[in-house]
Structure formats: C-alpha cells, structure tokens
Amino acid sequence: MSSAQEMKGPSGSWFFVPRRLPNPRVRVFCFPYAGGSATLFRDWPKDLPGDVELIGVQLPGRAFRLKDPPFTQMSSLLDELENQLGPNLDVPFVFWGHSFGAILAYELTRRFEKQGRTLPLMAILSGRRAPHLPSTGFDVRTMGDDEFIEELRKLGGTPDEIINNRRLMNLVLPALRADFELLNTWQHEPGQTLAVPLRIVGGKEDLPIKIEDLEAWGQYTRSGFSVHLFKGDHFYVHHAEDELLPWLSTTLANLSA
C-alpha cells in the first residue's frame, strides 16, 4: 500500500507508517522531538532506499492521538514503548531520534542490551548532547503557561501560526509540557557501553550545543562511532532534508542487515 497507515496497538495508534513494505530489509523507527508528531517523517521514505520501511513513533497527546493523555514518567513511557515495539522487531531495525527523541532511542537501546534482546543495527541520535553533560534547558515544572510559551518561542520549531494562537496552543500544551517534564526529571544512570554503533548528527548552528558535546557520545559505545553536522539550527530536520536525507539513505543502504 502506498498511502500512509497507522499500526494499531492496544493503547492507540503508536506508529505512523508512510510507506508499508511487504518484506523490508530494514525498519527505521523515528522518534520526534519534544511535542513533535510522527507526521514529521511523512515525506522521508521517498528519499530512502526502496527496501527500507520507516515508522514514525507517535506518542500520545499530539496529532491523531491528541485525546490520549501524555506520559510524564520516563520509566512508564519506556515500558510502553517496549511493549509497542516488540511485535514490529521481526526484521533488522534502526533507531533514529531527534533531541527528546534521541533520549528515547538511546534508553531503549540500553534496555534492549541489558535484557539480551535483539539490538538495533545502529542508533542515530540527533540534536542532543551526551547524557553526562549538564542540560542547559529550562525547567517547565517551575513555569506558568505564558512563561513556557515564551521559552518555546525562543527555541523555535513551533510554527508562528500555532504559537500565536492561544486556542491551538491550549490543545498542544499538555503534550509539550509533559515531554519537557520527562526531560527535566530524566536522570542518566551510568552503565555499560553499548554494543551498537552510534551515529551522532546535528545542526551546525545549533547553539549552545557544541561539537564537543556531540563527540562526547563516543564514550557510550564500544562499536562504531561518527559525528555528522548539517546546515541549520536545532530544528535543522525541517530545513536540511536536501543534506540529511541523502546522508541517511546512504547510511541505511550500506547497512549489513
């Protein structure tokens, strides 16, 4: 089928599948940034190898899951993601995550290795400094909605037509606040390095994240490691598809599944 599909799970539609394949060589699970929707990845498959199936992970509280309550505890979210991913790991797979999504991809990879489960062929982590480095973000738990919205405006990434429309913002604020609360309360627990290659990517103008912050991910793997930067700021994923997607396509085409 060529039309976008949703893979149904017992807790709702956790996955958005722009292009279903009968026998994919590789399946790529993509985790969006805080407050982001899996529909971010709607057009990506056309620039990827024909035997790669992309699945956008749709967290509750946004897009077609707007009425589903968002998670505010990282451990509970990871537990549910494990359950939802399980039946779809019947072919070799890759994790890709941006910012908040990079943390989800990383923590799931750690869980899989600790449990002795099949591991992703690689984890591609985007727009996120290494876990041991201090966060420079704000703490949403201390903010009212107006102050939080102003911080979102400074960050960019939220379209003006949404951020300037309070009615629309009131619809998306619960998921945004929940995701930032997850980030604020997440604490990295040191452990064994991963037996999974890490590909770290980011925007060249993504301040205040420095190249050294991305390179510091190298200490988290005992397998392959690389850092690649694309034009743009923290939300380069919206504007640098002409660089990002060819790189991703080549990376996936060269995988030995």
Protein backbone atom coordinates (compact mmCIF):
# COMPACT_ATOMS: atom_id res chain seq x y z
CA MET A 1 0.00 0.00 0.00
CA SER A 2 1.31 3.44 -0.86
CA SER A 3 -0.87 5.58 1.41
CA ALA A 4 0.13 6.46 4.96
CA GLN A 5 -1.04 3.94 7.51
CA GLU A 6 -1.26 3.64 11.28
CA MET A 7 -0.17 0.46 13.03
CA LYS A 8 -2.75 -0.12 15.75
CA GLY A 9 -1.70 -1.01 19.27
CA PRO A 10 -3.83 -1.73 22.34
CA SER A 11 -3.22 1.79 23.70
CA GLY A 12 -3.98 3.56 20.41
CA SER A 13 -2.08 4.30 17.23
CA TRP A 14 1.54 4.35 18.31
CA PHE A 15 3.02 4.22 14.82
CA PHE A 16 2.69 6.20 11.61
CA VAL A 17 3.82 4.30 8.52
CA PRO A 18 4.08 6.49 5.40
CA ARG A 19 5.04 3.57 3.11
CA ARG A 20 4.23 0.00 4.05
CA LEU A 21 6.54 -2.66 2.58
CA PRO A 22 5.71 -6.38 2.40
CA ASN A 23 9.27 -7.55 3.12
CA PRO A 24 11.52 -4.70 4.28
CA ARG A 25 15.24 -5.30 4.58
CA VAL A 26 15.47 -2.75 7.39
CA ARG A 27 12.88 -0.97 9.52
CA VAL A 28 13.72 2.52 10.88
CA PHE A 29 11.87 3.72 13.98
CA CYS A 30 11.92 7.52 14.20
CA PHE A 31 11.34 9.36 17.48
CA PRO A 32 10.47 13.09 17.14
CA TYR A 33 11.50 15.98 19.37
CA ALA A 34 9.51 17.19 22.42
CA GLY A 35 5.92 17.91 21.42
CA GLY A 36 6.63 16.65 17.91
CA SER A 37 4.47 14.37 15.80
CA ALA A 38 5.39 11.28 13.81
CA THR A 39 3.94 13.01 10.75
CA LEU A 40 7.25 14.94 10.66
CA PHE A 41 8.55 11.90 8.76
CA ARG A 42 5.70 11.73 6.24
CA ASP A 43 7.81 12.52 3.16
CA TRP A 44 11.09 10.89 4.17
CA PRO A 45 10.54 7.43 2.58
CA LYS A 46 10.66 8.77 -0.98
CA ASP A 47 14.33 9.67 -0.41
CA LEU A 48 15.27 6.40 1.30
CA PRO A 49 16.19 3.02 -0.22
CA GLY A 50 13.19 1.13 -1.55
CA ASP A 51 13.72 -1.78 0.86
CA VAL A 52 13.70 0.42 3.99
CA GLU A 53 10.45 0.87 5.88
CA LEU A 54 10.19 3.99 8.03
CA ILE A 55 7.93 4.03 11.08
CA GLY A 56 7.29 7.27 12.93
CA VAL A 57 6.66 6.78 16.63
CA GLN A 58 3.54 8.69 17.66
CA LEU A 59 3.48 9.48 21.36
CA PRO A 60 0.10 10.23 22.99
CA GLY A 61 -1.22 13.77 23.28
CA ARG A 62 -0.49 15.02 19.75
CA ALA A 63 -1.76 14.83 16.15
CA PHE A 64 -4.13 11.87 15.73
CA ARG A 65 -3.51 10.96 19.40
CA LEU A 66 -4.46 14.39 20.73
CA LYS A 67 -7.06 12.99 23.15
CA ASP A 68 -4.71 10.39 24.65
CA PRO A 69 -3.09 11.56 27.91
CA PRO A 70 0.68 12.09 27.57
CA PHE A 71 3.23 10.36 29.76
CA THR A 72 5.03 12.29 32.50
CA GLN A 73 7.21 9.44 33.83
CA MET A 74 10.12 8.29 31.67
CA SER A 75 10.13 4.72 33.00
CA SER A 76 6.42 4.28 32.24
CA LEU A 77 6.85 5.64 28.72
CA LEU A 78 9.82 3.37 28.02
CA ASP A 79 7.88 0.36 29.36
CA GLU A 80 5.01 1.06 26.98
CA LEU A 81 7.32 1.74 24.04
CA GLU A 82 8.98 -1.63 24.62
CA ASN A 83 5.57 -3.32 24.52
CA GLN A 84 4.51 -1.50 21.38
CA LEU A 85 7.77 -2.02 19.52
CA GLY A 86 8.03 -5.73 20.30
CA PRO A 87 5.81 -7.20 17.56
CA ASN A 88 7.44 -4.96 14.95
CA LEU A 89 11.04 -6.06 15.54
CA ASP A 90 10.77 -9.11 13.29
CA VAL A 91 13.23 -7.62 10.78
CA PRO A 92 16.57 -5.82 11.34
CA PHE A 93 15.94 -2.32 12.62
CA VAL A 94 17.48 1.07 13.35
CA PHE A 95 16.56 3.72 15.91
CA TRP A 96 16.60 7.40 14.90
CA GLY A 97 15.72 10.13 17.37
CA HIS A 98 15.97 13.91 17.49
CA SER A 99 16.53 15.84 20.76
CA PHE A 100 14.00 14.37 23.21
CA GLY A 101 13.59 11.52 20.73
CA ALA A 102 17.33 10.84 20.89
CA ILE A 103 17.00 10.16 24.61
CA LEU A 104 14.16 7.70 23.97
CA ALA A 105 16.17 5.90 21.26
CA TYR A 106 19.25 5.74 23.48
CA GLU A 107 17.41 4.49 26.58
CA LEU A 108 15.53 1.84 24.60
CA THR A 109 18.80 0.62 23.11
CA ARG A 110 20.27 0.35 26.61
CA ARG A 111 17.23 -1.59 27.82
CA PHE A 112 17.37 -4.00 24.90
CA GLU A 113 21.04 -4.75 25.51
CA LYS A 114 20.58 -5.20 29.26
CA GLN A 115 17.71 -7.63 28.62
CA GLY A 116 19.60 -9.59 25.97
CA ARG A 117 17.11 -8.65 23.27
CA THR A 118 17.88 -8.18 19.59
CA LEU A 119 19.67 -4.85 19.20
CA PRO A 120 19.25 -2.17 16.55
CA LEU A 121 21.82 -2.26 13.76
CA MET A 122 22.67 1.27 14.84
CA ALA A 123 21.24 4.20 16.76
CA ILE A 124 21.22 7.59 15.05
CA LEU A 125 20.99 10.29 17.72
CA SER A 126 20.32 13.84 16.64
CA GLY A 127 20.47 17.25 18.29
CA ARG A 128 21.28 16.06 21.80
CA ARG A 129 24.45 16.43 23.87
CA ALA A 130 25.91 13.34 25.56
CA PRO A 131 23.95 12.21 28.64
CA HIS A 132 26.60 13.02 31.27
CA LEU A 133 26.76 16.68 30.22
CA PRO A 134 24.58 19.17 32.10
CA SER A 135 21.41 20.32 30.39
CA THR A 136 21.11 24.00 29.51
CA GLY A 137 17.34 23.81 29.12
CA PHE A 138 14.66 25.37 31.29
CA ASP A 139 12.59 23.60 33.94
CA VAL A 140 8.96 23.55 32.81
CA ARG A 141 7.82 22.49 36.29
CA THR A 142 8.51 25.99 37.63
CA MET A 143 6.72 27.82 34.80
CA GLY A 144 3.23 29.00 34.09
CA ASP A 145 1.86 28.56 30.58
CA ASP A 146 2.70 32.11 29.42
CA GLU A 147 6.33 31.83 30.51
CA PHE A 148 6.59 28.37 28.97
CA ILE A 149 5.20 29.63 25.66
CA GLU A 150 7.79 32.41 25.58
CA GLU A 151 10.57 29.86 26.09
CA LEU A 152 9.15 27.81 23.23
CA ARG A 153 9.17 30.93 21.06
CA LYS A 154 12.88 31.42 21.79
CA LEU A 155 13.63 27.80 20.97
CA GLY A 156 11.97 27.98 17.57
CA GLY A 157 10.49 24.91 15.93
CA THR A 158 6.88 25.76 16.78
CA PRO A 159 5.21 27.48 13.80
CA ASP A 160 4.15 31.09 14.40
CA GLU A 161 0.58 30.31 13.38
CA ILE A 162 0.39 27.89 16.31
CA ILE A 163 2.42 29.70 18.94
CA ASN A 164 0.47 32.95 18.33
CA ASN A 165 -2.89 31.19 18.50
CA ARG A 166 -3.77 30.56 22.12
CA ARG A 167 -6.64 28.23 21.27
CA LEU A 168 -4.30 25.96 19.32
CA MET A 169 -1.59 26.26 21.95
CA ASN A 170 -4.03 25.15 24.62
CA LEU A 171 -4.53 21.94 22.62
CA VAL A 172 -0.82 21.13 22.30
CA LEU A 173 0.45 22.47 25.64
CA PRO A 174 -0.29 19.30 27.65
CA ALA A 175 1.95 17.16 25.41
CA LEU A 176 4.65 19.83 25.24
CA ARG A 177 4.70 20.29 29.00
CA ALA A 178 4.70 16.53 29.55
CA ASP A 179 7.66 15.97 27.22
CA PHE A 180 9.68 18.75 28.83
CA GLU A 181 8.81 17.36 32.25
CA LEU A 182 10.15 14.00 31.11
CA LEU A 183 13.39 15.72 30.12
CA ASN A 184 13.55 17.69 33.37
CA THR A 185 13.11 14.60 35.53
CA TRP A 186 15.19 12.13 33.47
CA GLN A 187 18.43 11.20 35.16
CA HIS A 188 21.07 9.28 33.29
CA GLU A 189 22.34 6.23 35.13
CA PRO A 190 25.90 5.26 34.13
CA GLY A 191 26.26 1.73 32.81
CA GLN A 192 27.97 -0.48 30.30
CA THR A 193 28.89 0.96 26.92
CA LEU A 194 26.68 -0.14 24.02
CA ALA A 195 27.50 -2.87 21.53
CA VAL A 196 25.65 -0.76 18.96
CA PRO A 197 27.21 1.76 16.55
CA LEU A 198 26.23 5.35 17.29
CA ARG A 199 25.84 7.92 14.54
CA ILE A 200 25.54 11.37 16.09
CA VAL A 201 24.08 14.16 13.94
CA GLY A 202 23.13 17.77 14.49
CA GLY A 203 22.83 21.29 13.10
CA LYS A 204 25.91 23.42 12.53
CA GLU A 205 24.17 26.44 14.08
CA ASP A 206 22.53 24.54 16.93
CA LEU A 207 23.60 26.71 19.87
CA PRO A 208 24.52 26.20 22.65
CA ILE A 209 25.28 22.56 21.70
CA LYS A 210 28.95 22.37 20.73
CA ILE A 211 30.70 19.83 18.53
CA GLU A 212 32.47 18.55 21.66
CA ASP A 213 29.08 17.89 23.25
CA LEU A 214 28.20 15.61 20.35
CA GLU A 215 31.62 13.97 20.15
CA ALA A 216 31.28 13.08 23.85
CA TRP A 217 28.77 10.39 22.81
CA GLY A 218 31.79 8.37 21.68
CA GLN A 219 32.34 7.09 25.21
CA TYR A 220 28.90 5.42 25.17
CA THR A 221 29.66 2.78 22.55
CA ARG A 222 32.20 0.03 22.07
CA SER A 223 31.21 -0.24 18.43
CA GLY A 224 31.38 2.24 15.53
CA PHE A 225 31.00 5.96 16.09
CA SER A 226 30.79 9.10 13.96
CA VAL A 227 29.54 12.69 14.11
CA HIS A 228 28.00 14.49 11.13
CA LEU A 229 26.68 18.06 11.00
CA PHE A 230 24.14 19.60 8.64
CA LYS A 231 23.23 23.18 7.88
CA GLY A 232 20.78 24.75 10.28
CA ASP A 233 19.93 25.18 13.94
CA HIS A 234 18.34 22.79 16.43
CA PHE A 235 15.41 22.23 14.09
CA TYR A 236 17.56 21.57 11.02
CA VAL A 237 15.41 18.46 10.43
CA HIS A 238 12.78 20.78 8.94
CA HIS A 239 15.12 22.68 6.65
CA ALA A 240 18.08 20.47 5.71
CA GLU A 241 16.34 17.49 4.09
CA ASP A 242 18.45 18.03 0.98
CA GLU A 243 21.53 17.14 3.09
CA LEU A 244 20.07 14.94 5.80
CA LEU A 245 18.05 12.50 3.71
CA PRO A 246 20.79 11.65 1.15
CA TRP A 247 23.15 11.02 4.06
CA LEU A 248 20.55 8.85 5.80
CA SER A 249 19.80 6.99 2.58
CA THR A 250 23.48 6.16 2.02
CA THR A 251 23.91 5.17 5.66
CA LEU A 252 20.96 2.79 5.52
CA ALA A 253 21.91 1.40 2.10
CA ASN A 254 25.34 0.45 3.42
CA LEU A 255 23.99 -1.41 6.44
CA SER A 256 24.57 -5.15 6.54
CA ALA A 257 21.25 -6.43 7.79
